[in-house]
Amino acid sequence: MDARGNRARLSNARVFYAQAYFRKGLLHATSLCTLVEPIKQGREADLAGLCVLARSLIETHNVFVYLTEPGISSHEQKLRLALLHLNQAVDLMRVIDALGVTPKNFGNWAQEMSRDFTLSELSANAIFQSLEQQQREKLLRGGSPYLMARYRGPRPVPRPIEAAAYNLFSHGVHSFGLSSSYQRSETPAGYVNVLFLAIEISLIFLAHLAKRYQSVRSRAVGILTQAERIPIEDALSLRHFNAWKQKLRAGIEW
């Protein structure tokens, strides 16, 4: 699917970001497969690393669907892209300053140009101007690249499930990790359960990412082959995830 998409011209910003985030998702998935390899050889896997990648796949998916949502107005599309570009410019300027690079550096100058351009775009955007003043001021500081609450499209799992999985995976990023401490197998934070969730949630979000990518780039990608469609549909059926939940509720050890 990725190879077919690479052969076609990127006609607009929506298609450009669709390809970029789809490829980002594929890279995360490839890294996940690498981290799973020790398990096949009877060795301990880097579970925290798997959680980090699973969390990154969720984020990659969410940015993809947010930036490529069908049916939104041109003002909405420009608002979302402008906020992304503004945050990137402001953050890079902060990094350059923190590293002690001279303000005369070309990279800093280029980011200043990008920031100023996106600020002018936002000032002319009707949707941005309709937001509350306090929210506009916060966004103009470049503190947030997305307004995810504005996304109204399909999601691979209900929001509460996504939030719970994301929260669990975040423990592997910010602390020692729930799965690294003593937890019995009947809890979602048990080692085997976290391992299952990291892999299964990653499969679900990658499948939905692939399905949405085909929709955005239908002309370039074409119809999904049977070999592509079957695993995507299987993951999005949530049957493996639901079976795991039922066993966990019944107290059956994996």
C-alpha atoms as a PDB file:
ATOM      1  CA  MET A   1       0.000   0.000   0.000  1.00  0.00           C
ATOM      2  CA  ASP A   2       2.796   2.407   0.921  1.00  0.00           C
ATOM      3  CA  ALA A   3       4.733   1.541  -2.252  1.00  0.00           C
ATOM      4  CA  ARG A   4       1.667   2.245  -4.410  1.00  0.00           C
ATOM      5  CA  GLY A   5       1.107   5.589  -2.718  1.00  0.00           C
ATOM      6  CA  ASN A   6       4.750   6.604  -3.146  1.00  0.00           C
ATOM      7  CA  ARG A   7       4.454   6.413  -6.927  1.00  0.00           C
ATOM      8  CA  ALA A   8       1.730   9.074  -7.065  1.00  0.00           C
ATOM      9  CA  ARG A   9       2.158  12.828  -6.915  1.00  0.00           C
ATOM     10  CA  LEU A  10       1.347  14.614  -3.649  1.00  0.00           C
ATOM     11  CA  SER A  11      -1.269  17.059  -4.882  1.00  0.00           C
ATOM     12  CA  ASN A  12      -2.001  19.080  -1.720  1.00  0.00           C
ATOM     13  CA  ALA A  13      -1.155  19.496   1.965  1.00  0.00           C
ATOM     14  CA  ARG A  14      -3.820  16.988   3.045  1.00  0.00           C
ATOM     15  CA  VAL A  15      -2.285  14.266   0.877  1.00  0.00           C
ATOM     16  CA  PHE A  16       1.239  15.234   1.948  1.00  0.00           C
ATOM     17  CA  TYR A  17       0.441  14.776   5.633  1.00  0.00           C
ATOM     18  CA  ALA A  18      -1.562  11.632   4.926  1.00  0.00           C
ATOM     19  CA  GLN A  19       1.497   9.997   3.413  1.00  0.00           C
ATOM     20  CA  ALA A  20       3.868  11.367   6.070  1.00  0.00           C
ATOM     21  CA  TYR A  21       1.835  10.122   9.029  1.00  0.00           C
ATOM     22  CA  PHE A  22       1.016   6.789   7.416  1.00  0.00           C
ATOM     23  CA  ARG A  23       4.706   6.144   6.873  1.00  0.00           C
ATOM     24  CA  LYS A  24       5.403   7.258  10.452  1.00  0.00           C
ATOM     25  CA  GLY A  25       2.875   4.686  11.654  1.00  0.00           C
ATOM     26  CA  LEU A  26       4.544   1.969   9.573  1.00  0.00           C
ATOM     27  CA  LEU A  27       7.927   2.797  11.099  1.00  0.00           C
ATOM     28  CA  HIS A  28       6.497   2.497  14.611  1.00  0.00           C
ATOM     29  CA  ALA A  29       4.955  -0.848  13.672  1.00  0.00           C
ATOM     30  CA  THR A  30       8.290  -2.092  12.308  1.00  0.00           C
ATOM     31  CA  SER A  31       9.996  -1.093  15.557  1.00  0.00           C
ATOM     32  CA  LEU A  32       7.301  -2.893  17.533  1.00  0.00           C
ATOM     33  CA  CYS A  33       8.007  -6.079  15.592  1.00  0.00           C
ATOM     34  CA  THR A  34      11.714  -5.715  16.411  1.00  0.00           C
ATOM     35  CA  LEU A  35      11.026  -5.365  20.131  1.00  0.00           C
ATOM     36  CA  VAL A  36       8.785  -8.449  20.110  1.00  0.00           C
ATOM     37  CA  GLU A  37      11.534 -10.673  18.658  1.00  0.00           C
ATOM     38  CA  PRO A  38      13.182 -11.532  22.045  1.00  0.00           C
ATOM     39  CA  ILE A  39       9.903 -13.080  23.237  1.00  0.00           C
ATOM     40  CA  LYS A  40      10.048 -15.603  20.391  1.00  0.00           C
ATOM     41  CA  GLN A  41      13.464 -16.644  21.691  1.00  0.00           C
ATOM     42  CA  GLY A  42      12.309 -16.967  25.291  1.00  0.00           C
ATOM     43  CA  ARG A  43      13.956 -13.738  26.433  1.00  0.00           C
ATOM     44  CA  GLU A  44      12.495 -10.692  28.154  1.00  0.00           C
ATOM     45  CA  ALA A  45      11.232  -7.952  25.890  1.00  0.00           C
ATOM     46  CA  ASP A  46      11.548  -4.205  26.448  1.00  0.00           C
ATOM     47  CA  LEU A  47       7.944  -3.799  27.572  1.00  0.00           C
ATOM     48  CA  ALA A  48       8.349  -0.105  28.364  1.00  0.00           C
ATOM     49  CA  GLY A  49       9.652   0.418  24.832  1.00  0.00           C
ATOM     50  CA  LEU A  50       6.663  -1.453  23.413  1.00  0.00           C
ATOM     51  CA  CYS A  51       4.357   0.796  25.445  1.00  0.00           C
ATOM     52  CA  VAL A  52       6.109   3.909  24.146  1.00  0.00           C
ATOM     53  CA  LEU A  53       5.650   2.752  20.554  1.00  0.00           C
ATOM     54  CA  ALA A  54       2.018   1.782  21.145  1.00  0.00           C
ATOM     55  CA  ARG A  55       1.361   5.235  22.582  1.00  0.00           C
ATOM     56  CA  SER A  56       3.147   6.825  19.623  1.00  0.00           C
ATOM     57  CA  LEU A  57       0.988   4.822  17.210  1.00  0.00           C
ATOM     58  CA  ILE A  58      -2.157   6.118  18.910  1.00  0.00           C
ATOM     59  CA  GLU A  59      -0.852   9.684  18.622  1.00  0.00           C
ATOM     60  CA  THR A  60       0.213   9.217  14.996  1.00  0.00           C
ATOM     61  CA  HIS A  61      -3.206   7.826  14.124  1.00  0.00           C
ATOM     62  CA  ASN A  62      -5.010  10.672  15.870  1.00  0.00           C
ATOM     63  CA  VAL A  63      -2.984  13.372  14.129  1.00  0.00           C
ATOM     64  CA  PHE A  64      -3.550  11.616  10.790  1.00  0.00           C
ATOM     65  CA  VAL A  65      -7.345  11.507  11.115  1.00  0.00           C
ATOM     66  CA  TYR A  66      -7.417  15.059  12.514  1.00  0.00           C
ATOM     67  CA  LEU A  67      -5.454  16.556   9.620  1.00  0.00           C
ATOM     68  CA  THR A  68      -7.178  14.519   6.900  1.00  0.00           C
ATOM     69  CA  GLU A  69     -10.776  14.514   8.149  1.00  0.00           C
ATOM     70  CA  PRO A  70     -13.101  14.527   5.116  1.00  0.00           C
ATOM     71  CA  GLY A  71     -15.865  17.063   4.644  1.00  0.00           C
ATOM     72  CA  ILE A  72     -14.365  19.922   6.641  1.00  0.00           C
ATOM     73  CA  SER A  73     -14.316  23.451   5.240  1.00  0.00           C
ATOM     74  CA  SER A  74     -11.228  25.071   3.745  1.00  0.00           C
ATOM     75  CA  HIS A  75     -11.157  27.470   6.721  1.00  0.00           C
ATOM     76  CA  GLU A  76     -11.127  24.507   9.118  1.00  0.00           C
ATOM     77  CA  GLN A  77      -8.393  22.764   7.150  1.00  0.00           C
ATOM     78  CA  LYS A  78      -6.256  25.909   7.099  1.00  0.00           C
ATOM     79  CA  LEU A  79      -6.817  26.433  10.833  1.00  0.00           C
ATOM     80  CA  ARG A  80      -5.583  22.952  11.680  1.00  0.00           C
ATOM     81  CA  LEU A  81      -2.519  23.201   9.451  1.00  0.00           C
ATOM     82  CA  ALA A  82      -1.650  26.700  10.654  1.00  0.00           C
ATOM     83  CA  LEU A  83      -1.696  25.612  14.303  1.00  0.00           C
ATOM     84  CA  LEU A  84       0.554  22.664  13.451  1.00  0.00           C
ATOM     85  CA  HIS A  85       3.038  24.915  11.643  1.00  0.00           C
ATOM     86  CA  LEU A  86       2.953  27.588  14.359  1.00  0.00           C
ATOM     87  CA  ASN A  87       3.688  25.091  17.125  1.00  0.00           C
ATOM     88  CA  GLN A  88       6.531  23.594  15.121  1.00  0.00           C
ATOM     89  CA  ALA A  89       8.112  26.975  14.445  1.00  0.00           C
ATOM     90  CA  VAL A  90       7.816  28.187  18.044  1.00  0.00           C
ATOM     91  CA  ASP A  91       9.134  24.932  19.492  1.00  0.00           C
ATOM     92  CA  LEU A  92      12.133  24.873  17.164  1.00  0.00           C
ATOM     93  CA  MET A  93      12.930  28.471  18.043  1.00  0.00           C
ATOM     94  CA  ARG A  94      12.920  27.497  21.734  1.00  0.00           C
ATOM     95  CA  VAL A  95      15.190  24.542  21.045  1.00  0.00           C
ATOM     96  CA  ILE A  96      17.618  26.723  19.080  1.00  0.00           C
ATOM     97  CA  ASP A  97      17.707  29.293  21.886  1.00  0.00           C
ATOM     98  CA  ALA A  98      18.126  26.657  24.607  1.00  0.00           C
ATOM     99  CA  LEU A  99      21.053  25.099  22.745  1.00  0.00           C
ATOM    100  CA  GLY A 100      22.744  28.478  22.633  1.00  0.00           C
ATOM    101  CA  VAL A 101      22.707  28.805  18.870  1.00  0.00           C
ATOM    102  CA  THR A 102      23.032  32.417  17.752  1.00  0.00           C
ATOM    103  CA  PRO A 103      19.762  34.106  16.704  1.00  0.00           C
ATOM    104  CA  LYS A 104      21.469  34.901  13.403  1.00  0.00           C
ATOM    105  CA  ASN A 105      21.445  31.198  12.599  1.00  0.00           C
ATOM    106  CA  PHE A 106      19.527  30.466   9.387  1.00  0.00           C
ATOM    107  CA  GLY A 107      17.399  27.821  11.096  1.00  0.00           C
ATOM    108  CA  ASN A 108      16.162  30.348  13.635  1.00  0.00           C
ATOM    109  CA  TRP A 109      15.490  32.952  10.961  1.00  0.00           C
ATOM    110  CA  ALA A 110      13.525  30.441   8.883  1.00  0.00           C
ATOM    111  CA  GLN A 111      11.369  29.510  11.875  1.00  0.00           C
ATOM    112  CA  GLU A 112      10.692  33.167  12.607  1.00  0.00           C
ATOM    113  CA  MET A 113       9.493  33.573   9.022  1.00  0.00           C
ATOM    114  CA  SER A 114       7.265  30.513   9.374  1.00  0.00           C
ATOM    115  CA  ARG A 115       5.862  31.755  12.674  1.00  0.00           C
ATOM    116  CA  ASP A 116       5.069  35.199  11.304  1.00  0.00           C
ATOM    117  CA  PHE A 117       3.424  33.744   8.208  1.00  0.00           C
ATOM    118  CA  THR A 118       1.192  31.387  10.187  1.00  0.00           C
ATOM    119  CA  LEU A 119       0.261  34.189  12.589  1.00  0.00           C
ATOM    120  CA  SER A 120      -0.948  36.249   9.653  1.00  0.00           C
ATOM    121  CA  GLU A 121      -2.913  33.247   8.342  1.00  0.00           C
ATOM    122  CA  LEU A 122      -4.607  32.763  11.695  1.00  0.00           C
ATOM    123  CA  SER A 123      -5.480  36.443  11.966  1.00  0.00           C
ATOM    124  CA  ALA A 124      -7.370  36.128   8.652  1.00  0.00           C
ATOM    125  CA  ASN A 125      -9.067  32.827   9.531  1.00  0.00           C
ATOM    126  CA  ALA A 126     -12.778  33.200  10.295  1.00  0.00           C
ATOM    127  CA  ILE A 127     -12.956  30.086  12.493  1.00  0.00           C
ATOM    128  CA  PHE A 128      -9.946  31.118  14.558  1.00  0.00           C
ATOM    129  CA  GLN A 129     -11.428  34.581  15.061  1.00  0.00           C
ATOM    130  CA  SER A 130     -14.680  33.001  16.297  1.00  0.00           C
ATOM    131  CA  LEU A 131     -12.875  31.301  19.212  1.00  0.00           C
ATOM    132  CA  GLU A 132     -12.868  32.804  22.702  1.00  0.00           C
ATOM    133  CA  GLN A 133     -10.181  35.460  23.171  1.00  0.00           C
ATOM    134  CA  GLN A 134      -8.449  33.526  25.931  1.00  0.00           C
ATOM    135  CA  GLN A 135      -8.214  30.461  23.716  1.00  0.00           C
ATOM    136  CA  ARG A 136      -6.931  32.516  20.776  1.00  0.00           C
ATOM    137  CA  GLU A 137      -4.208  34.035  22.925  1.00  0.00           C
ATOM    138  CA  LYS A 138      -3.104  30.621  24.156  1.00  0.00           C
ATOM    139  CA  LEU A 139      -2.967  29.222  20.634  1.00  0.00           C
ATOM    140  CA  LEU A 140      -1.042  32.239  19.318  1.00  0.00           C
ATOM    141  CA  ARG A 141       1.746  31.446  21.791  1.00  0.00           C
ATOM    142  CA  GLY A 142       2.246  28.180  19.903  1.00  0.00           C
ATOM    143  CA  GLY A 143       1.498  26.066  22.942  1.00  0.00           C
ATOM    144  CA  SER A 144      -0.842  23.612  21.243  1.00  0.00           C
ATOM    145  CA  PRO A 145      -0.485  22.161  17.731  1.00  0.00           C
ATOM    146  CA  TYR A 146      -3.948  20.574  17.633  1.00  0.00           C
ATOM    147  CA  LEU A 147      -7.574  21.130  18.545  1.00  0.00           C
ATOM    148  CA  MET A 148      -8.436  17.444  18.687  1.00  0.00           C
ATOM    149  CA  ALA A 149     -11.930  18.059  20.075  1.00  0.00           C
ATOM    150  CA  ARG A 150     -12.907  19.429  16.657  1.00  0.00           C
ATOM    151  CA  TYR A 151     -12.458  16.008  15.043  1.00  0.00           C
ATOM    152  CA  ARG A 152     -15.815  14.304  14.430  1.00  0.00           C
ATOM    153  CA  GLY A 153     -14.819  11.325  12.305  1.00  0.00           C
ATOM    154  CA  PRO A 154     -14.703   7.577  13.048  1.00  0.00           C
ATOM    155  CA  ARG A 155     -12.448   6.099  15.720  1.00  0.00           C
ATOM    156  CA  PRO A 156     -11.162   2.508  16.007  1.00  0.00           C
ATOM    157  CA  VAL A 157     -12.155   2.106  19.686  1.00  0.00           C
ATOM    158  CA  PRO A 158     -14.418   4.105  22.043  1.00  0.00           C
ATOM    159  CA  ARG A 159     -12.740   7.124  23.622  1.00  0.00           C
ATOM    160  CA  PRO A 160     -12.746   5.717  27.204  1.00  0.00           C
ATOM    161  CA  ILE A 161     -10.890   2.591  26.037  1.00  0.00           C
ATOM    162  CA  GLU A 162      -8.379   4.675  24.085  1.00  0.00           C
ATOM    163  CA  ALA A 163      -7.803   6.952  27.089  1.00  0.00           C
ATOM    164  CA  ALA A 164      -7.344   3.996  29.447  1.00  0.00           C
ATOM    165  CA  ALA A 165      -4.826   2.284  27.154  1.00  0.00           C
ATOM    166  CA  TYR A 166      -2.972   5.543  26.549  1.00  0.00           C
ATOM    167  CA  ASN A 167      -2.780   6.183  30.293  1.00  0.00           C
ATOM    168  CA  LEU A 168      -1.458   2.687  30.969  1.00  0.00           C
ATOM    169  CA  PHE A 169       1.168   2.996  28.224  1.00  0.00           C
ATOM    170  CA  SER A 170       2.219   6.405  29.552  1.00  0.00           C
ATOM    171  CA  HIS A 171       3.464   4.792  32.758  1.00  0.00           C
ATOM    172  CA  GLY A 172       6.189   3.187  30.673  1.00  0.00           C
ATOM    173  CA  VAL A 173       7.190   6.641  29.441  1.00  0.00           C
ATOM    174  CA  HIS A 174       7.055   8.794  32.568  1.00  0.00           C
ATOM    175  CA  SER A 175       7.836   6.423  35.418  1.00  0.00           C
ATOM    176  CA  PHE A 176       9.095   2.981  36.367  1.00  0.00           C
ATOM    177  CA  GLY A 177       5.946   1.544  34.836  1.00  0.00           C
ATOM    178  CA  LEU A 178       3.017  -0.304  36.341  1.00  0.00           C
ATOM    179  CA  SER A 179       3.969  -3.475  34.523  1.00  0.00           C
ATOM    180  CA  SER A 180       7.483  -3.355  36.000  1.00  0.00           C
ATOM    181  CA  SER A 181       6.156  -3.590  39.544  1.00  0.00           C
ATOM    182  CA  TYR A 182       4.370  -6.552  41.106  1.00  0.00           C
ATOM    183  CA  GLN A 183       0.913  -6.892  39.600  1.00  0.00           C
ATOM    184  CA  ARG A 184      -1.099 -10.094  39.404  1.00  0.00           C
ATOM    185  CA  SER A 185      -2.267 -11.322  36.030  1.00  0.00           C
ATOM    186  CA  GLU A 186      -5.921 -10.473  36.672  1.00  0.00           C
ATOM    187  CA  THR A 187      -5.147  -6.735  36.513  1.00  0.00           C
ATOM    188  CA  PRO A 188      -4.740  -4.837  33.211  1.00  0.00           C
ATOM    189  CA  ALA A 189      -1.299  -3.762  34.476  1.00  0.00           C
ATOM    190  CA  GLY A 190       0.018  -7.316  34.721  1.00  0.00           C
ATOM    191  CA  TYR A 191       3.011  -7.999  32.492  1.00  0.00           C
ATOM    192  CA  VAL A 192       1.230 -10.343  30.077  1.00  0.00           C
ATOM    193  CA  ASN A 193      -1.825  -8.080  29.896  1.00  0.00           C
ATOM    194  CA  VAL A 194       0.229  -4.983  29.160  1.00  0.00           C
ATOM    195  CA  LEU A 195       2.132  -6.935  26.521  1.00  0.00           C
ATOM    196  CA  PHE A 196      -1.139  -8.032  24.921  1.00  0.00           C
ATOM    197  CA  LEU A 197      -2.603  -4.530  25.053  1.00  0.00           C
ATOM    198  CA  ALA A 198       0.478  -2.877  23.570  1.00  0.00           C
ATOM    199  CA  ILE A 199       0.455  -5.255  20.614  1.00  0.00           C
ATOM    200  CA  GLU A 200      -3.321  -5.454  20.103  1.00  0.00           C
ATOM    201  CA  ILE A 201      -4.009  -1.727  20.452  1.00  0.00           C
ATOM    202  CA  SER A 202      -1.139  -1.070  18.042  1.00  0.00           C
ATOM    203  CA  LEU A 203      -2.669  -3.484  15.521  1.00  0.00           C
ATOM    204  CA  ILE A 204      -6.093  -1.859  15.860  1.00  0.00           C
ATOM    205  CA  PHE A 205      -4.839   1.688  15.389  1.00  0.00           C
ATOM    206  CA  LEU A 206      -2.487   0.695  12.563  1.00  0.00           C
ATOM    207  CA  ALA A 207      -5.369  -1.078  10.791  1.00  0.00           C
ATOM    208  CA  HIS A 208      -7.586   1.985  11.097  1.00  0.00           C
ATOM    209  CA  LEU A 209      -4.729   4.202   9.936  1.00  0.00           C
ATOM    210  CA  ALA A 210      -4.283   2.010   6.845  1.00  0.00           C
ATOM    211  CA  LYS A 211      -8.013   2.033   6.124  1.00  0.00           C
ATOM    212  CA  ARG A 212      -8.209   5.813   6.369  1.00  0.00           C
ATOM    213  CA  TYR A 213      -5.057   6.210   4.262  1.00  0.00           C
ATOM    214  CA  GLN A 214      -6.617   4.150   1.479  1.00  0.00           C
ATOM    215  CA  SER A 215      -9.697   6.376   1.677  1.00  0.00           C
ATOM    216  CA  VAL A 216      -7.697   9.611   1.466  1.00  0.00           C
ATOM    217  CA  ARG A 217      -5.494   8.321  -1.363  1.00  0.00           C
ATOM    218  CA  SER A 218      -7.917   5.983  -3.111  1.00  0.00           C
ATOM    219  CA  ARG A 219      -6.715   6.900  -6.602  1.00  0.00           C
ATOM    220  CA  ALA A 220      -3.059   6.316  -5.774  1.00  0.00           C
ATOM    221  CA  VAL A 221      -3.482   3.259  -3.566  1.00  0.00           C
ATOM    222  CA  GLY A 222      -6.434   1.663  -5.342  1.00  0.00           C
ATOM    223  CA  ILE A 223      -8.647  -1.041  -3.881  1.00  0.00           C
ATOM    224  CA  LEU A 224      -7.153  -2.992  -0.994  1.00  0.00           C
ATOM    225  CA  THR A 225      -6.049  -6.488  -1.895  1.00  0.00           C
ATOM    226  CA  GLN A 226      -7.534  -9.458  -0.039  1.00  0.00           C
ATOM    227  CA  ALA A 227      -4.215  -9.932   1.777  1.00  0.00           C
ATOM    228  CA  GLU A 228      -4.450  -6.328   3.003  1.00  0.00           C
ATOM    229  CA  ARG A 229      -8.185  -6.248   3.698  1.00  0.00           C
ATOM    230  CA  ILE A 230      -8.520  -9.422   5.810  1.00  0.00           C
ATOM    231  CA  PRO A 231      -6.069  -8.491   8.625  1.00  0.00           C
ATOM    232  CA  ILE A 232      -7.412  -4.925   8.672  1.00  0.00           C
ATOM    233  CA  GLU A 233     -10.996  -6.107   9.079  1.00  0.00           C
ATOM    234  CA  ASP A 234      -9.943  -8.689  11.660  1.00  0.00           C
ATOM    235  CA  ALA A 235      -8.171  -6.086  13.806  1.00  0.00           C
ATOM    236  CA  LEU A 236     -11.014  -3.570  13.520  1.00  0.00           C
ATOM    237  CA  SER A 237     -13.597  -6.196  14.537  1.00  0.00           C
ATOM    238  CA  LEU A 238     -12.052  -5.947  18.043  1.00  0.00           C
ATOM    239  CA  ARG A 239     -12.773  -9.649  18.547  1.00  0.00           C
ATOM    240  CA  HIS A 240      -9.351 -10.384  20.065  1.00  0.00           C
ATOM    241  CA  PHE A 241      -9.563  -7.335  22.319  1.00  0.00           C
ATOM    242  CA  ASN A 242     -13.097  -8.200  23.436  1.00  0.00           C
ATOM    243  CA  ALA A 243     -12.111 -11.819  24.138  1.00  0.00           C
ATOM    244  CA  TRP A 244      -9.250 -10.563  26.324  1.00  0.00           C
ATOM    245  CA  LYS A 245     -11.640  -8.310  28.256  1.00  0.00           C
ATOM    246  CA  GLN A 246     -14.043 -11.195  28.849  1.00  0.00           C
ATOM    247  CA  LYS A 247     -11.276 -13.406  30.192  1.00  0.00           C
ATOM    248  CA  LEU A 248     -10.020 -10.629  32.425  1.00  0.00           C
ATOM    249  CA  ARG A 249     -13.508 -10.080  33.828  1.00  0.00           C
ATOM    250  CA  ALA A 250     -13.949 -13.793  34.425  1.00  0.00           C
ATOM    251  CA  GLY A 251     -10.613 -14.017  36.224  1.00  0.00           C
ATOM    252  CA  ILE A 252      -9.131 -16.440  33.723  1.00  0.00           C
ATOM    253  CA  GLU A 253      -5.339 -16.266  33.593  1.00  0.00           C
ATOM    254  CA  TRP A 254      -3.650 -16.020  30.215  1.00  0.00           C
END
